[in-house]
Amino acid sequence: MSVLLFFFISYLLTCFTLQKLFEKAGVDSKKAWIPGTNFVEWCKIVGRKPSHAWWMLFPIVNFFIWAGLCVDMVRSFGKHDLGSAALAVIFAPLAFWKIGNDKNSKYVGPVLDMEKQYFADIQTAIESKDQYKLKKLRAKNPYKKSAGREWIEAVVFAVFAAAFIRMFLIEAYVIPTPSMEGSLLVGDFMFVSKAHYGIRTPMTVAMVPLLHNTIPYLNSESYLKTPSLGYHRLPAISSIKNNDPIVFNYPEGDSVYVTPGRIWSVQDIKRRPQLKQYVAGKKLRVRPIDKRDHYIKRCIGTPGDKMEIKNRQVYINDKPLAESSTIQFRYKITNIDNINFKKLDEIGVASREANKYATFIDIENVDQSRKSSMMHLNAAQKEQIQKWYPEAKFEVYESLPNPQSKGSGLFPHDPINFPDWTVDNFGPIVIPKAGETVPLKKETIALYRRIIKIYENNTLVEKGGKFILNGKEATEYTFQQDYYWGMGDNRHASEDCRYFGFIPEDHIVGKPLFIWFSTKDGNFRNGINWGRILSGAYKM
């Protein structure tokens, strides 16, 4: 069921149940079916100005306006209890139907006007020092709420508002790995806008508020797979451009094993059987799109771009991409003696020797006797170390997912047709664009197989060199949605599109805004990165 169909049915049920309430309130029941007019009359019934109905046209805000009108409607019929208010918010048609079919339920009057008048009378009695009238008014207070109810309503509203904002507008994230160093560091807490690239309407609707996909301590999923809604996205504030940071749901996160250290996808296990030992006894979890783990990378390629990496330089449409100064690579450094780890830590090169609490380190395999080490460095850090150690020699150390076989650990995981691709020499590859058509060939099918079968929900059978698409032989395929290509700034320590392939448009979550808090190396014991608080979420 699509989200539009869900709202349409809910609207029809609301109009149907409003008829009786309009009739009891002395309003022509036919007006309950006239779009716009029904909300204007509704506002009048509860004591709102007719112009208040215009708020129903504003996305996101209209949910709160709707909830308020529903509660005020049942209160205008004398239903002031918590249960009636809760039912009106959860499923208004049922609350309205109960009142409409209850012969004892009568329209009391516009509750907001009556409530306003009641408190005005209270104030008048206080000012005139009429204790008798004041006592009488307070004794018959129809709007009085117990302290317990006040707390319940306050907590529910706070959770509802926070969950709503998190779902549609802004969500807080923390950077757990060094894949985006040095623009984003481990321990950075940032806000992500879900509106910039277009608000993605919820697909999973039954969930524990404020939790993404796992309930802490219980280690169980925090949502139900059904009911679910289809993918829809509201108009974007800005489009995704090359070098923009993007937050997205992990494309291969549909089927995963959750371990204490990290998640492993089914694809990880298929490509690297040695990982089976880490997931032995773990239950396979199948997750919907919006409940897959969040990744953050820099968008390198947009739909329709030709992307290629040559000796670490990214080319888009055969032109060098202007890259961030924060890009890091792994270097094997030799002839480096008496390494001063504290000095390196000062320029952002983390080491275990300088910080015993460090979780992620930039310095590996230190061998003081042989004067060698491995370091993850950006251009400025490399230049500074060269000044400190003029005799040091730097050699880029290109890591491979499987050193024994180039291409097998990298997308598209086809070493026969793509044998020489590495993390530093990759492609060329054209990023799929909605509406574009590609030929289906055995030499290139590895690029598109997951798109066709998983991301765009088709059946694909490959038999005798032929392709059977949705039961019919096909020689070409037309993409149904846009795709993107993302890579981490820490190029030799980032699991990104070079490993798992394209990012579908329906997986895009939002755009990082700014860092609101930051701990050193993700550990409070190390202190706070005061200089990073309220700074931009990425650098160029």
Protein backbone atom coordinates (compact mmCIF):
# COMPACT_ATOMS: atom_id res chain seq x y z
CA MET A 1 0.00 0.00 0.00
CA SER A 2 1.45 3.38 -0.97
CA VAL A 3 1.52 6.27 1.46
CA LEU A 4 -0.82 8.26 -0.79
CA LEU A 5 -3.42 5.50 -0.73
CA PHE A 6 -3.13 5.25 3.05
CA PHE A 7 -3.76 8.99 3.51
CA PHE A 8 -6.57 8.97 0.94
CA ILE A 9 -8.45 6.19 2.75
CA SER A 10 -7.91 7.91 6.11
CA TYR A 11 -9.26 11.16 4.65
CA LEU A 12 -12.39 9.44 3.29
CA LEU A 13 -13.04 7.78 6.65
CA THR A 14 -12.60 11.13 8.41
CA CYS A 15 -15.09 12.83 6.06
CA PHE A 16 -17.56 10.00 6.59
CA THR A 17 -17.39 10.20 10.39
CA LEU A 18 -17.41 14.00 10.41
CA GLN A 19 -20.90 14.03 8.91
CA LYS A 20 -22.58 13.08 12.19
CA LEU A 21 -20.49 15.53 14.19
CA PHE A 22 -21.30 18.37 11.80
CA GLU A 23 -24.98 17.48 12.05
CA LYS A 24 -24.88 17.49 15.87
CA ALA A 25 -23.08 20.85 15.79
CA GLY A 26 -25.74 22.36 13.55
CA VAL A 27 -23.62 22.39 10.39
CA ASP A 28 -24.75 21.06 7.04
CA SER A 29 -23.40 17.49 6.99
CA LYS A 30 -22.68 17.71 3.24
CA LYS A 31 -19.87 20.16 4.00
CA ALA A 32 -17.94 17.29 5.59
CA TRP A 33 -17.20 16.06 2.05
CA ILE A 34 -16.11 19.36 0.49
CA PRO A 35 -12.28 19.65 0.58
CA GLY A 36 -11.18 22.80 2.37
CA THR A 37 -14.69 23.71 3.47
CA ASN A 38 -14.73 20.74 5.86
CA PHE A 39 -11.62 22.02 7.66
CA VAL A 40 -12.96 25.58 7.77
CA GLU A 41 -16.19 24.37 9.43
CA TRP A 42 -14.18 22.09 11.69
CA CYS A 43 -12.17 25.11 12.89
CA LYS A 44 -15.38 27.03 13.61
CA ILE A 45 -16.85 24.10 15.59
CA VAL A 46 -13.86 23.95 17.95
CA GLY A 47 -13.43 27.72 18.26
CA ARG A 48 -10.60 28.36 15.82
CA LYS A 49 -10.59 31.10 13.22
CA PRO A 50 -11.49 29.85 9.72
CA SER A 51 -8.04 30.97 8.50
CA HIS A 52 -6.49 28.36 10.81
CA ALA A 53 -7.44 25.76 8.17
CA TRP A 54 -4.75 27.11 5.83
CA TRP A 55 -2.10 25.43 8.00
CA MET A 56 -3.32 22.08 6.69
CA LEU A 57 -1.61 22.92 3.39
CA PHE A 58 1.86 23.09 4.95
CA PRO A 59 3.72 19.74 4.97
CA ILE A 60 4.99 18.49 8.35
CA VAL A 61 3.23 21.34 10.21
CA ASN A 62 -0.14 19.98 9.14
CA PHE A 63 0.40 16.81 11.22
CA PHE A 64 0.53 18.88 14.40
CA ILE A 65 -2.43 21.04 13.30
CA TRP A 66 -4.39 17.86 12.53
CA ALA A 67 -3.66 16.37 15.96
CA GLY A 68 -4.75 19.58 17.70
CA LEU A 69 -8.01 19.82 15.74
CA CYS A 70 -8.85 16.19 16.48
CA VAL A 71 -8.38 16.64 20.22
CA ASP A 72 -10.34 19.90 20.23
CA MET A 73 -13.17 18.24 18.30
CA VAL A 74 -13.77 15.50 20.89
CA ARG A 75 -13.43 18.09 23.69
CA SER A 76 -16.14 20.20 22.00
CA PHE A 77 -18.44 17.20 22.54
CA GLY A 78 -17.59 17.03 26.25
CA LYS A 79 -14.92 14.32 25.98
CA HIS A 80 -12.11 15.67 28.15
CA ASP A 81 -10.62 12.38 29.33
CA LEU A 82 -7.15 11.17 28.32
CA GLY A 83 -8.47 8.11 26.49
CA SER A 84 -10.67 10.15 24.15
CA ALA A 85 -7.85 12.54 23.38
CA ALA A 86 -5.44 9.68 22.71
CA LEU A 87 -7.88 7.88 20.40
CA ALA A 88 -8.52 11.11 18.49
CA VAL A 89 -4.82 11.48 17.78
CA ILE A 90 -4.14 7.80 17.03
CA PHE A 91 -7.15 7.21 14.77
CA ALA A 92 -9.56 10.13 14.52
CA PRO A 93 -12.24 8.37 12.39
CA LEU A 94 -12.87 5.84 15.17
CA ALA A 95 -13.09 8.54 17.85
CA PHE A 96 -15.49 10.58 15.70
CA TRP A 97 -17.58 7.52 14.83
CA LYS A 98 -18.05 6.66 18.53
CA ILE A 99 -19.26 10.18 19.32
CA GLY A 100 -21.46 10.41 16.24
CA ASN A 101 -23.25 7.14 17.03
CA ASP A 102 -23.61 7.80 20.76
CA LYS A 103 -27.08 9.23 21.38
CA ASN A 104 -25.91 10.71 24.68
CA SER A 105 -23.04 12.63 23.08
CA LYS A 106 -24.02 16.20 22.32
CA TYR A 107 -22.21 19.23 20.99
CA VAL A 108 -21.32 21.35 24.00
CA GLY A 109 -19.88 24.28 22.07
CA PRO A 110 -16.58 25.60 20.71
CA VAL A 111 -14.25 24.31 23.39
CA LEU A 112 -11.50 26.85 22.82
CA ASP A 113 -13.91 29.77 23.22
CA MET A 114 -15.46 28.20 26.32
CA GLU A 115 -12.07 27.43 27.82
CA LYS A 116 -10.93 30.98 27.17
CA GLN A 117 -14.07 32.35 28.79
CA TYR A 118 -13.72 30.04 31.78
CA PHE A 119 -10.20 31.24 32.58
CA ALA A 120 -11.31 34.84 32.00
CA ASP A 121 -14.02 34.29 34.63
CA ILE A 122 -11.41 32.84 36.98
CA GLN A 123 -9.21 35.91 36.51
CA THR A 124 -12.17 38.25 37.09
CA ALA A 125 -13.08 36.44 40.33
CA ILE A 126 -9.48 36.72 41.51
CA GLU A 127 -9.28 40.43 40.72
CA SER A 128 -12.65 41.15 42.39
CA LYS A 129 -11.70 38.90 45.35
CA ASP A 130 -14.97 37.00 44.96
CA GLN A 131 -13.94 33.85 46.85
CA TYR A 132 -17.36 32.23 46.56
CA LYS A 133 -17.43 32.52 42.77
CA LEU A 134 -13.79 31.47 42.54
CA LYS A 135 -14.38 28.38 44.65
CA LYS A 136 -17.44 27.47 42.60
CA LEU A 137 -15.63 27.89 39.29
CA ARG A 138 -12.67 25.78 40.39
CA ALA A 139 -14.93 23.08 41.78
CA LYS A 140 -16.68 22.70 38.43
CA ASN A 141 -13.53 23.03 36.29
CA PRO A 142 -14.16 20.77 33.26
CA TYR A 143 -10.62 21.37 31.99
CA LYS A 144 -8.76 20.31 35.12
CA LYS A 145 -6.09 17.67 34.61
CA SER A 146 -4.38 15.56 37.23
CA ALA A 147 -0.65 15.94 37.77
CA GLY A 148 -0.17 12.44 36.37
CA ARG A 149 -2.00 13.30 33.18
CA GLU A 150 -0.04 16.53 32.80
CA TRP A 151 3.18 14.51 32.95
CA ILE A 152 1.90 11.87 30.57
CA GLU A 153 0.81 14.43 28.00
CA ALA A 154 4.06 16.38 28.32
CA VAL A 155 6.20 13.26 27.85
CA VAL A 156 4.08 11.95 24.98
CA PHE A 157 4.17 15.30 23.22
CA ALA A 158 7.94 15.63 23.71
CA VAL A 159 8.56 12.12 22.35
CA PHE A 160 6.11 12.66 19.50
CA ALA A 161 7.64 16.01 18.55
CA ALA A 162 11.21 14.69 18.80
CA ALA A 163 10.35 11.57 16.79
CA PHE A 164 8.55 13.66 14.21
CA ILE A 165 11.44 16.09 13.81
CA ARG A 166 13.88 13.18 13.65
CA MET A 167 11.77 11.38 11.06
CA PHE A 168 11.21 14.30 8.71
CA LEU A 169 13.57 17.20 9.37
CA ILE A 170 16.79 16.78 11.35
CA GLU A 171 18.48 13.81 12.97
CA ALA A 172 21.59 13.58 15.13
CA TYR A 173 24.38 11.18 14.21
CA VAL A 174 27.77 10.30 15.61
CA ILE A 175 30.80 9.38 13.49
CA PRO A 176 31.93 5.89 14.63
CA THR A 177 34.79 5.16 12.17
CA PRO A 178 37.68 7.09 10.58
CA SER A 179 36.52 6.63 6.98
CA MET A 180 35.85 10.38 6.57
CA GLU A 181 38.97 11.74 8.28
CA GLY A 182 40.09 14.43 8.17
CA SER A 183 36.80 16.26 7.34
CA LEU A 184 34.81 14.25 9.90
CA LEU A 185 36.50 12.67 12.89
CA VAL A 186 35.62 9.75 15.10
CA GLY A 187 33.59 11.21 17.97
CA ASP A 188 31.97 14.01 15.98
CA PHE A 189 28.27 14.47 16.76
CA MET A 190 26.48 16.15 13.87
CA PHE A 191 23.04 17.17 12.73
CA VAL A 192 21.81 15.93 9.36
CA SER A 193 19.13 17.70 7.34
CA LYS A 194 16.58 15.34 5.81
CA ALA A 195 14.99 18.18 3.85
CA HIS A 196 17.93 19.34 1.72
CA TYR A 197 17.86 16.40 -0.69
CA GLY A 198 14.09 15.99 -0.36
CA ILE A 199 12.23 14.57 2.65
CA ARG A 200 11.86 10.82 2.25
CA THR A 201 8.49 9.83 3.65
CA PRO A 202 8.57 6.93 6.15
CA MET A 203 8.43 3.42 4.76
CA THR A 204 8.49 1.57 8.09
CA VAL A 205 5.61 2.89 10.21
CA ALA A 206 5.50 0.61 13.27
CA MET A 207 8.60 1.29 15.35
CA VAL A 208 9.94 2.23 18.77
CA PRO A 209 10.22 6.05 18.74
CA LEU A 210 13.70 7.59 18.57
CA LEU A 211 15.44 4.26 17.83
CA HIS A 212 16.84 3.42 14.41
CA ASN A 213 16.96 -0.35 14.05
CA THR A 214 18.05 -1.98 17.31
CA ILE A 215 16.76 -1.93 20.90
CA PRO A 216 19.74 -1.46 23.23
CA TYR A 217 20.57 -4.32 25.60
CA LEU A 218 17.83 -6.52 24.11
CA ASN A 219 19.76 -6.66 20.83
CA SER A 220 16.52 -7.03 18.89
CA GLU A 221 15.05 -5.06 16.01
CA SER A 222 13.14 -1.92 17.03
CA TYR A 223 10.44 -2.05 14.35
CA LEU A 224 7.87 -4.24 12.59
CA LYS A 225 8.23 -4.89 8.87
CA THR A 226 4.49 -4.64 8.32
CA PRO A 227 2.58 -2.52 7.70
CA SER A 228 4.90 -0.65 5.35
CA LEU A 229 4.55 2.17 2.85
CA GLY A 230 6.10 2.74 -0.55
CA TYR A 231 9.00 5.05 -1.37
CA HIS A 232 8.15 8.73 -1.88
CA ARG A 233 10.29 11.85 -1.69
CA LEU A 234 9.17 15.47 -1.36
CA PRO A 235 10.78 18.20 -3.52
CA ALA A 236 14.42 18.88 -2.66
CA ILE A 237 15.89 22.15 -1.42
CA SER A 238 19.09 21.37 -3.34
CA SER A 239 20.31 18.58 -5.59
CA ILE A 240 23.26 16.35 -4.76
CA LYS A 241 26.42 17.63 -6.44
CA ASN A 242 29.91 16.24 -6.83
CA ASN A 243 31.86 16.51 -3.55
CA ASP A 244 28.69 17.00 -1.45
CA PRO A 245 28.59 14.88 1.73
CA ILE A 246 25.68 12.46 1.86
CA VAL A 247 24.16 10.25 4.54
CA PHE A 248 22.52 7.10 3.19
CA ASN A 249 21.30 3.67 4.17
CA TYR A 250 23.92 0.99 3.55
CA PRO A 251 22.86 -0.55 0.20
CA GLU A 252 24.05 -4.06 1.10
CA GLY A 253 22.48 -3.76 4.56
CA ASP A 254 19.29 -5.59 3.55
CA SER A 255 20.51 -8.91 4.97
CA VAL A 256 23.00 -8.67 7.81
CA TYR A 257 24.49 -10.40 10.82
CA VAL A 258 24.84 -8.13 13.87
CA THR A 259 27.96 -8.71 15.99
CA PRO A 260 29.28 -6.67 18.94
CA GLY A 261 31.94 -5.02 16.80
CA ARG A 262 30.01 -4.33 13.59
CA ILE A 263 27.51 -5.71 11.11
CA TRP A 264 28.43 -8.12 8.33
CA SER A 265 26.28 -8.33 5.24
CA VAL A 266 25.48 -11.58 3.48
CA GLN A 267 27.53 -10.25 0.56
CA ASP A 268 30.54 -9.78 2.88
CA ILE A 269 30.34 -13.43 3.89
CA LYS A 270 29.95 -14.65 0.30
CA ARG A 271 32.98 -12.69 -0.87
CA ARG A 272 35.11 -13.53 2.15
CA PRO A 273 34.21 -16.98 3.53
CA GLN A 274 36.82 -16.58 6.28
CA LEU A 275 34.39 -14.19 7.99
CA LYS A 276 31.96 -17.01 8.77
CA GLN A 277 33.67 -17.54 12.11
CA TYR A 278 32.55 -14.08 13.25
CA VAL A 279 28.85 -14.66 12.49
CA ALA A 280 28.56 -18.28 13.60
CA GLY A 281 25.34 -18.71 15.57
CA LYS A 282 24.09 -15.22 14.70
CA LYS A 283 20.59 -14.76 13.32
CA LEU A 284 20.29 -13.27 9.84
CA ARG A 285 18.35 -9.99 9.96
CA VAL A 286 16.49 -8.80 6.87
CA ARG A 287 15.94 -5.06 7.01
CA PRO A 288 13.79 -2.64 4.97
CA ILE A 289 15.50 0.27 3.22
CA ASP A 290 14.95 2.93 5.88
CA LYS A 291 16.11 0.63 8.69
CA ARG A 292 19.48 -0.27 7.21
CA ASP A 293 22.57 1.14 8.90
CA HIS A 294 23.60 4.72 8.11
CA TYR A 295 26.78 5.51 6.21
CA ILE A 296 28.28 8.91 5.41
CA LYS A 297 30.55 9.49 2.42
CA ARG A 298 31.42 12.24 -0.02
CA CYS A 299 29.44 12.05 -3.26
CA ILE A 300 32.00 11.60 -6.01
CA GLY A 301 29.70 10.84 -8.92
CA THR A 302 26.11 11.80 -9.73
CA PRO A 303 23.62 10.10 -12.09
CA GLY A 304 24.97 9.84 -15.63
CA ASP A 305 28.58 10.71 -14.67
CA LYS A 306 31.50 8.73 -16.01
CA MET A 307 33.79 8.08 -13.04
CA GLU A 308 37.34 6.79 -13.08
CA ILE A 309 40.23 6.69 -10.60
CA LYS A 310 43.76 6.87 -11.99
CA ASN A 311 46.66 6.74 -9.54
CA ARG A 312 44.37 8.00 -6.76
CA GLN A 313 43.08 10.98 -8.79
CA VAL A 314 39.34 10.89 -9.44
CA TYR A 315 38.16 11.85 -12.92
CA ILE A 316 34.56 12.80 -13.66
CA ASN A 317 33.59 12.84 -17.33
CA ASP A 318 37.34 12.64 -18.16
CA LYS A 319 38.17 15.77 -16.12
CA PRO A 320 40.07 15.73 -12.79
CA LEU A 321 37.73 16.25 -9.85
CA ALA A 322 38.74 19.10 -7.56
CA GLU A 323 39.22 17.16 -4.35
CA SER A 324 39.21 18.14 -0.72
CA SER A 325 42.47 19.04 0.98
CA THR A 326 41.46 16.61 3.73
CA ILE A 327 41.80 13.50 1.54
CA GLN A 328 44.05 10.95 3.24
CA PHE A 329 46.08 8.02 1.92
CA ARG A 330 48.09 5.30 3.62
CA TYR A 331 51.85 5.76 3.32
CA LYS A 332 54.68 3.41 4.09
CA ILE A 333 57.37 5.66 5.57
CA THR A 334 60.95 4.46 5.78
CA ASN A 335 64.11 6.04 7.12
CA ILE A 336 62.12 7.76 9.87
CA ASP A 337 63.90 7.70 13.21
CA ASN A 338 62.83 8.56 16.78
CA ILE A 339 59.19 9.27 15.98
CA ASN A 340 57.71 11.95 18.24
CA PHE A 341 54.17 10.67 18.68
CA LYS A 342 53.00 13.67 20.69
CA LYS A 343 54.00 16.04 17.88
CA LEU A 344 52.18 13.85 15.38
CA ASP A 345 49.09 13.83 17.60
CA GLU A 346 49.11 17.64 17.58
CA ILE A 347 48.69 17.67 13.79
CA GLY A 348 45.87 15.11 13.94
CA VAL A 349 47.84 11.91 13.36
CA ALA A 350 46.52 9.66 16.13
CA SER A 351 48.70 6.98 17.69
CA ARG A 352 48.40 4.48 20.52
CA GLU A 353 51.66 5.74 21.97
CA ALA A 354 50.30 9.28 22.34
CA ASN A 355 46.87 8.23 23.54
CA LYS A 356 46.30 4.95 25.33
CA TYR A 357 42.52 5.37 24.97
CA ALA A 358 42.68 5.75 21.19
CA THR A 359 40.20 3.49 19.42
CA PHE A 360 41.17 4.33 15.85
CA ILE A 361 44.77 5.16 15.00
CA ASP A 362 46.51 6.65 12.00
CA ILE A 363 49.88 5.11 12.74
CA GLU A 364 50.35 1.39 12.14
CA ASN A 365 53.16 -1.16 12.22
CA VAL A 366 55.73 1.06 13.89
CA ASP A 367 59.18 -0.52 13.71
CA GLN A 368 61.68 1.77 15.43
CA SER A 369 64.58 -0.58 14.83
CA ARG A 370 64.02 -0.61 11.08
CA LYS A 371 62.97 3.05 11.05
CA SER A 372 59.65 2.40 9.32
CA SER A 373 55.96 2.93 9.89
CA MET A 374 52.55 3.08 8.18
CA MET A 375 50.58 6.32 8.46
CA HIS A 376 47.26 7.68 7.15
CA LEU A 377 48.02 11.26 6.11
CA ASN A 378 46.56 14.16 4.18
CA ALA A 379 48.76 16.42 2.06
CA ALA A 380 49.39 18.98 4.83
CA GLN A 381 50.31 16.29 7.39
CA LYS A 382 52.67 14.60 4.93
CA GLU A 383 54.37 17.93 4.20
CA GLN A 384 54.83 18.70 7.90
CA ILE A 385 56.30 15.27 8.69
CA GLN A 386 58.67 15.66 5.75
CA LYS A 387 59.91 18.93 7.31
CA TRP A 388 60.42 17.25 10.69
CA TYR A 389 62.14 14.22 9.16
CA PRO A 390 63.91 15.38 5.96
CA GLU A 391 65.45 11.95 5.35
CA ALA A 392 62.11 10.11 5.50
CA LYS A 393 60.88 8.43 2.33
CA PHE A 394 57.16 8.16 1.55
CA GLU A 395 55.61 5.43 -0.55
CA VAL A 396 51.86 5.16 -1.14
CA TYR A 397 50.71 1.83 0.25
CA GLU A 398 47.69 0.73 -1.73
CA SER A 399 45.68 -1.76 0.26
CA LEU A 400 43.63 -4.41 -1.52
CA PRO A 401 40.61 -6.28 -0.14
CA ASN A 402 42.25 -9.49 -1.29
CA PRO A 403 45.95 -9.02 -2.16
CA GLN A 404 45.99 -12.44 -3.84
CA SER A 405 43.45 -11.47 -6.49
CA LYS A 406 42.86 -7.94 -7.76
CA GLY A 407 39.23 -7.16 -8.42
CA SER A 408 37.62 -10.01 -6.48
CA GLY A 409 37.05 -7.93 -3.34
CA LEU A 410 36.03 -4.80 -5.22
CA PHE A 411 32.82 -3.92 -6.99
CA PRO A 412 31.58 -5.37 -9.32
CA HIS A 413 33.27 -8.50 -7.87
CA ASP A 414 34.00 -9.97 -11.28
CA PRO A 415 37.77 -10.56 -11.58
CA ILE A 416 37.35 -12.18 -15.00
CA ASN A 417 35.86 -9.16 -16.75
CA PHE A 418 37.27 -6.52 -14.39
CA PRO A 419 40.63 -8.03 -13.38
CA ASP A 420 42.84 -5.00 -12.78
CA TRP A 421 40.65 -2.68 -10.73
CA THR A 422 42.12 -1.53 -7.41
CA VAL A 423 41.14 1.09 -4.83
CA ASP A 424 43.55 3.57 -6.48
CA ASN A 425 42.93 2.58 -10.10
CA PHE A 426 39.26 1.95 -10.62
CA GLY A 427 36.91 2.13 -13.60
CA PRO A 428 35.92 3.72 -15.86
CA ILE A 429 32.32 3.26 -14.79
CA VAL A 430 29.13 5.15 -15.75
CA ILE A 431 26.77 5.85 -12.86
CA PRO A 432 23.19 4.80 -13.75
CA LYS A 433 20.57 7.47 -14.35
CA ALA A 434 16.79 7.04 -14.32
CA GLY A 435 15.47 6.54 -17.85
CA GLU A 436 18.81 5.57 -19.37
CA THR A 437 19.13 2.20 -21.09
CA VAL A 438 22.12 -0.14 -21.12
CA PRO A 439 22.70 -3.33 -23.11
CA LEU A 440 22.67 -6.59 -21.16
CA LYS A 441 25.93 -8.42 -21.80
CA LYS A 442 27.76 -11.09 -19.86
CA GLU A 443 30.86 -8.88 -19.82
CA THR A 444 29.09 -6.04 -17.97
CA ILE A 445 26.11 -7.65 -16.21
CA ALA A 446 28.03 -7.72 -12.91
CA LEU A 447 27.72 -3.92 -12.80
CA TYR A 448 23.94 -3.97 -12.95
CA ARG A 449 22.83 -7.35 -11.55
CA ARG A 450 22.10 -6.08 -8.03
CA ILE A 451 20.38 -2.96 -9.37
CA ILE A 452 18.03 -5.00 -11.55
CA LYS A 453 17.22 -7.71 -9.02
CA ILE A 454 17.44 -6.02 -5.60
CA TYR A 455 17.15 -2.26 -5.91
CA GLU A 456 14.52 -2.26 -8.67
CA ASN A 457 12.72 -5.52 -7.77
CA ASN A 458 12.88 -7.46 -11.05
CA THR A 459 13.41 -11.15 -11.69
CA LEU A 460 16.52 -11.84 -13.72
CA VAL A 461 17.58 -15.26 -14.95
CA GLU A 462 20.84 -15.73 -16.86
CA LYS A 463 20.82 -18.85 -18.98
CA GLY A 464 22.91 -19.87 -21.98
CA GLY A 465 24.22 -16.36 -22.50
CA LYS A 466 20.66 -14.96 -22.57
CA PHE A 467 18.87 -12.78 -20.04
CA ILE A 468 15.29 -13.50 -18.96
CA LEU A 469 13.88 -10.32 -17.42
CA ASN A 470 10.53 -10.70 -15.64
CA GLY A 471 9.82 -13.84 -17.65
CA LYS A 472 10.76 -12.41 -21.05
CA GLU A 473 14.02 -12.48 -22.96
CA ALA A 474 15.72 -9.06 -22.89
CA THR A 475 18.79 -7.53 -24.49
CA GLU A 476 18.73 -4.20 -22.63
CA TYR A 477 17.56 -2.63 -19.38
CA THR A 478 16.21 0.85 -18.52
CA PHE A 479 16.98 2.16 -15.04
CA GLN A 480 14.01 3.15 -12.88
CA GLN A 481 15.82 5.49 -10.47
CA ASP A 482 19.00 7.54 -10.10
CA TYR A 483 22.19 6.26 -8.49
CA TYR A 484 25.19 7.89 -6.85
CA TRP A 485 28.82 7.06 -6.09
CA GLY A 486 30.29 7.85 -2.67
CA MET A 487 33.79 7.52 -1.25
CA GLY A 488 35.38 8.27 2.11
CA ASP A 489 37.98 11.02 2.51
CA ASN A 490 40.26 8.48 4.19
CA ARG A 491 40.69 6.68 0.90
CA HIS A 492 42.65 3.68 2.15
CA ALA A 493 40.46 3.10 5.21
CA SER A 494 36.93 3.45 3.87
CA GLU A 495 34.38 0.83 2.97
CA ASP A 496 32.54 2.68 0.24
CA CYS A 497 31.16 2.29 -3.28
CA ARG A 498 34.42 0.74 -4.45
CA TYR A 499 33.36 -2.25 -2.34
CA PHE A 500 29.54 -2.34 -2.37
CA GLY A 501 28.67 -0.49 -5.57
CA PHE A 502 26.09 2.15 -6.42
CA ILE A 503 23.93 4.06 -3.92
CA PRO A 504 20.24 4.05 -5.00
CA GLU A 505 18.32 7.31 -4.75
CA ASP A 506 15.74 5.73 -2.40
CA HIS A 507 18.59 5.04 0.07
CA ILE A 508 19.58 8.72 0.37
CA VAL A 509 18.82 10.07 3.86
CA GLY A 510 20.14 13.62 3.98
CA LYS A 511 22.91 16.20 4.11
CA PRO A 512 25.23 16.83 7.09
CA LEU A 513 24.76 20.37 8.47
CA PHE A 514 27.18 21.01 11.33
CA ILE A 515 28.99 19.39 14.22
CA TRP A 516 27.23 20.17 17.51
CA PHE A 517 29.62 18.25 19.78
CA SER A 518 32.88 16.36 19.45
CA THR A 519 34.94 14.10 21.68
CA LYS A 520 38.58 13.32 21.04
CA ASP A 521 38.82 9.96 19.31
CA GLY A 522 35.25 9.19 20.32
CA ASN A 523 36.14 8.93 24.01
CA PHE A 524 35.13 11.37 26.77
CA ARG A 525 38.25 10.38 28.73
CA ASN A 526 40.35 11.97 26.02
CA GLY A 527 38.56 15.29 26.32
CA ILE A 528 36.41 17.47 24.08
CA ASN A 529 37.32 18.93 20.71
CA TRP A 530 36.14 22.44 21.58
CA GLY A 531 37.33 23.86 18.28
CA ARG A 532 35.07 21.54 16.30
CA ILE A 533 31.82 22.39 18.10
CA LEU A 534 29.39 24.27 15.81
CA SER A 535 31.79 23.89 12.88
CA GLY A 536 30.79 22.78 9.40
CA ALA A 537 30.20 19.09 8.88
CA TYR A 538 32.68 18.78 6.04
CA LYS A 539 35.59 20.60 4.41
CA MET A 540 36.79 21.15 0.88
